[in-house]
Amino acid sequence: MQQSIRRLLAIVTLSLLVFVSQAQSDSNLPLKTETKPYKILTAGKQITIKSTKDIKHIMLWTTSGNRVVEQKDINKTSLTINIPVNQKAFFIMIGLVGGKIYTEKIGIQ
């Protein structure tokens, strides 16, 4: 008798939880991504960065974490980098004047 009451109570509790629970609100949706103020062009072992704002600094490192290139105080809207290592994938960090920093993974051929 007690077992059947426990089962009935468990079924009623689970049923109430299903009806009481609500879906997530729209506030948890991902925000609209902003467009990047730069373009990255690759040709062989050469990377060219063209930006609408001045580039303050860049850093390039391999997927294993080895830093390949680091340049500071660039203050130009365009920059070309020659890659001194044989890798196919890299991470690049671009810091623009005004403090905004962008990081992304890139590949070369």
C-alpha atoms as a PDB file:
ATOM      1  CA  MET A   1       0.000   0.000   0.000  1.00  0.00           C
ATOM      2  CA  GLN A   2       2.761   2.450   0.932  1.00  0.00           C
ATOM      3  CA  GLN A   3       4.648   1.550  -2.215  1.00  0.00           C
ATOM      4  CA  SER A   4       1.719   2.423  -4.443  1.00  0.00           C
ATOM      5  CA  ILE A   5       1.245   5.743  -2.598  1.00  0.00           C
ATOM      6  CA  ARG A   6       4.928   6.584  -3.127  1.00  0.00           C
ATOM      7  CA  ARG A   7       4.666   5.756  -6.835  1.00  0.00           C
ATOM      8  CA  LEU A   8       1.523   7.871  -7.170  1.00  0.00           C
ATOM      9  CA  LEU A   9       3.203  10.744  -5.308  1.00  0.00           C
ATOM     10  CA  ALA A  10       6.295  10.465  -7.562  1.00  0.00           C
ATOM     11  CA  ILE A  11       4.140  10.509 -10.724  1.00  0.00           C
ATOM     12  CA  VAL A  12       2.182  13.540  -9.509  1.00  0.00           C
ATOM     13  CA  THR A  13       5.396  15.388  -8.555  1.00  0.00           C
ATOM     14  CA  LEU A  14       7.044  14.718 -11.931  1.00  0.00           C
ATOM     15  CA  SER A  15       3.854  15.756 -13.756  1.00  0.00           C
ATOM     16  CA  LEU A  16       3.742  19.027 -11.834  1.00  0.00           C
ATOM     17  CA  LEU A  17       7.412  19.694 -12.590  1.00  0.00           C
ATOM     18  CA  VAL A  18       6.753  19.282 -16.302  1.00  0.00           C
ATOM     19  CA  PHE A  19       3.867  21.771 -16.217  1.00  0.00           C
ATOM     20  CA  VAL A  20       5.631  24.280 -13.961  1.00  0.00           C
ATOM     21  CA  SER A  21       8.943  24.333 -15.805  1.00  0.00           C
ATOM     22  CA  GLN A  22       9.267  27.016 -18.491  1.00  0.00           C
ATOM     23  CA  ALA A  23      11.339  27.406 -21.607  1.00  0.00           C
ATOM     24  CA  GLN A  24      14.356  29.685 -21.598  1.00  0.00           C
ATOM     25  CA  SER A  25      13.673  33.317 -22.264  1.00  0.00           C
ATOM     26  CA  ASP A  26      14.877  35.182 -25.358  1.00  0.00           C
ATOM     27  CA  SER A  27      17.449  37.060 -23.264  1.00  0.00           C
ATOM     28  CA  ASN A  28      19.717  33.986 -23.390  1.00  0.00           C
ATOM     29  CA  LEU A  29      19.996  34.053 -27.188  1.00  0.00           C
ATOM     30  CA  PRO A  30      23.456  34.836 -28.552  1.00  0.00           C
ATOM     31  CA  LEU A  31      24.079  38.469 -29.361  1.00  0.00           C
ATOM     32  CA  LYS A  32      24.546  39.630 -32.913  1.00  0.00           C
ATOM     33  CA  THR A  33      28.217  39.414 -33.809  1.00  0.00           C
ATOM     34  CA  GLU A  34      29.905  42.602 -34.900  1.00  0.00           C
ATOM     35  CA  THR A  35      31.838  42.820 -38.130  1.00  0.00           C
ATOM     36  CA  LYS A  36      35.598  42.861 -37.849  1.00  0.00           C
ATOM     37  CA  PRO A  37      37.310  46.114 -38.862  1.00  0.00           C
ATOM     38  CA  TYR A  38      40.106  44.193 -40.594  1.00  0.00           C
ATOM     39  CA  LYS A  39      40.745  41.541 -43.235  1.00  0.00           C
ATOM     40  CA  ILE A  40      43.403  38.853 -43.224  1.00  0.00           C
ATOM     41  CA  LEU A  41      44.807  37.737 -46.576  1.00  0.00           C
ATOM     42  CA  THR A  42      47.176  34.789 -46.894  1.00  0.00           C
ATOM     43  CA  ALA A  43      49.478  33.887 -49.778  1.00  0.00           C
ATOM     44  CA  GLY A  44      51.958  31.091 -49.178  1.00  0.00           C
ATOM     45  CA  LYS A  45      53.997  31.922 -46.077  1.00  0.00           C
ATOM     46  CA  GLN A  46      52.894  35.555 -46.101  1.00  0.00           C
ATOM     47  CA  ILE A  47      50.015  37.132 -44.167  1.00  0.00           C
ATOM     48  CA  THR A  48      48.661  40.590 -44.979  1.00  0.00           C
ATOM     49  CA  ILE A  49      46.379  42.414 -42.551  1.00  0.00           C
ATOM     50  CA  LYS A  50      44.327  45.353 -43.821  1.00  0.00           C
ATOM     51  CA  SER A  51      42.365  47.355 -41.288  1.00  0.00           C
ATOM     52  CA  THR A  52      40.043  50.352 -41.219  1.00  0.00           C
ATOM     53  CA  LYS A  53      41.742  51.479 -37.986  1.00  0.00           C
ATOM     54  CA  ASP A  54      45.440  51.705 -37.135  1.00  0.00           C
ATOM     55  CA  ILE A  55      46.957  48.425 -35.977  1.00  0.00           C
ATOM     56  CA  LYS A  56      48.735  48.877 -32.656  1.00  0.00           C
ATOM     57  CA  HIS A  57      50.269  45.410 -32.222  1.00  0.00           C
ATOM     58  CA  ILE A  58      50.020  41.845 -33.506  1.00  0.00           C
ATOM     59  CA  MET A  59      51.085  38.471 -32.237  1.00  0.00           C
ATOM     60  CA  LEU A  60      51.131  35.194 -34.167  1.00  0.00           C
ATOM     61  CA  TRP A  61      51.626  31.781 -32.567  1.00  0.00           C
ATOM     62  CA  THR A  62      51.329  28.147 -33.602  1.00  0.00           C
ATOM     63  CA  THR A  63      48.540  25.859 -32.454  1.00  0.00           C
ATOM     64  CA  SER A  64      51.047  24.216 -30.092  1.00  0.00           C
ATOM     65  CA  GLY A  65      51.639  27.578 -28.375  1.00  0.00           C
ATOM     66  CA  ASN A  66      54.994  28.654 -29.817  1.00  0.00           C
ATOM     67  CA  ARG A  67      55.152  32.383 -30.485  1.00  0.00           C
ATOM     68  CA  VAL A  68      56.259  33.028 -34.062  1.00  0.00           C
ATOM     69  CA  VAL A  69      55.868  36.782 -34.619  1.00  0.00           C
ATOM     70  CA  GLU A  70      55.266  39.701 -32.271  1.00  0.00           C
ATOM     71  CA  GLN A  71      55.301  43.313 -33.410  1.00  0.00           C
ATOM     72  CA  LYS A  72      54.440  46.343 -31.299  1.00  0.00           C
ATOM     73  CA  ASP A  73      53.854  50.035 -32.049  1.00  0.00           C
ATOM     74  CA  ILE A  74      52.922  49.445 -35.696  1.00  0.00           C
ATOM     75  CA  ASN A  75      50.446  52.355 -36.105  1.00  0.00           C
ATOM     76  CA  LYS A  76      49.569  51.530 -39.734  1.00  0.00           C
ATOM     77  CA  THR A  77      46.375  50.324 -41.406  1.00  0.00           C
ATOM     78  CA  SER A  78      48.173  47.628 -43.410  1.00  0.00           C
ATOM     79  CA  LEU A  79      50.857  45.125 -42.451  1.00  0.00           C
ATOM     80  CA  THR A  80      52.538  42.176 -44.184  1.00  0.00           C
ATOM     81  CA  ILE A  81      54.185  39.392 -42.176  1.00  0.00           C
ATOM     82  CA  ASN A  82      56.482  36.627 -43.449  1.00  0.00           C
ATOM     83  CA  ILE A  83      56.100  33.398 -41.473  1.00  0.00           C
ATOM     84  CA  PRO A  84      59.461  31.800 -40.586  1.00  0.00           C
ATOM     85  CA  VAL A  85      58.142  28.316 -39.645  1.00  0.00           C
ATOM     86  CA  ASN A  86      56.518  25.414 -41.501  1.00  0.00           C
ATOM     87  CA  GLN A  87      53.045  25.199 -39.966  1.00  0.00           C
ATOM     88  CA  LYS A  88      49.579  25.185 -41.524  1.00  0.00           C
ATOM     89  CA  ALA A  89      47.506  26.664 -38.683  1.00  0.00           C
ATOM     90  CA  PHE A  90      48.124  29.648 -36.437  1.00  0.00           C
ATOM     91  CA  PHE A  91      46.409  31.889 -33.935  1.00  0.00           C
ATOM     92  CA  ILE A  92      46.635  35.624 -34.500  1.00  0.00           C
ATOM     93  CA  MET A  93      45.934  38.456 -32.088  1.00  0.00           C
ATOM     94  CA  ILE A  94      45.403  41.919 -33.529  1.00  0.00           C
ATOM     95  CA  GLY A  95      45.318  44.928 -31.217  1.00  0.00           C
ATOM     96  CA  LEU A  96      43.870  48.102 -32.691  1.00  0.00           C
ATOM     97  CA  VAL A  97      44.317  51.708 -31.601  1.00  0.00           C
ATOM     98  CA  GLY A  98      41.621  52.364 -29.018  1.00  0.00           C
ATOM     99  CA  GLY A  99      42.255  49.136 -27.105  1.00  0.00           C
ATOM    100  CA  LYS A 100      40.072  46.661 -29.034  1.00  0.00           C
ATOM    101  CA  ILE A 101      41.741  43.251 -29.418  1.00  0.00           C
ATOM    102  CA  TYR A 102      40.683  40.506 -31.839  1.00  0.00           C
ATOM    103  CA  THR A 103      41.882  36.903 -31.817  1.00  0.00           C
ATOM    104  CA  GLU A 104      41.204  34.189 -34.354  1.00  0.00           C
ATOM    105  CA  LYS A 105      42.569  30.986 -35.821  1.00  0.00           C
ATOM    106  CA  ILE A 106      43.868  31.153 -39.382  1.00  0.00           C
ATOM    107  CA  GLY A 107      45.327  28.668 -41.829  1.00  0.00           C
ATOM    108  CA  ILE A 108      47.857  29.054 -44.601  1.00  0.00           C
ATOM    109  CA  GLN A 109      48.709  26.895 -47.588  1.00  0.00           C
END
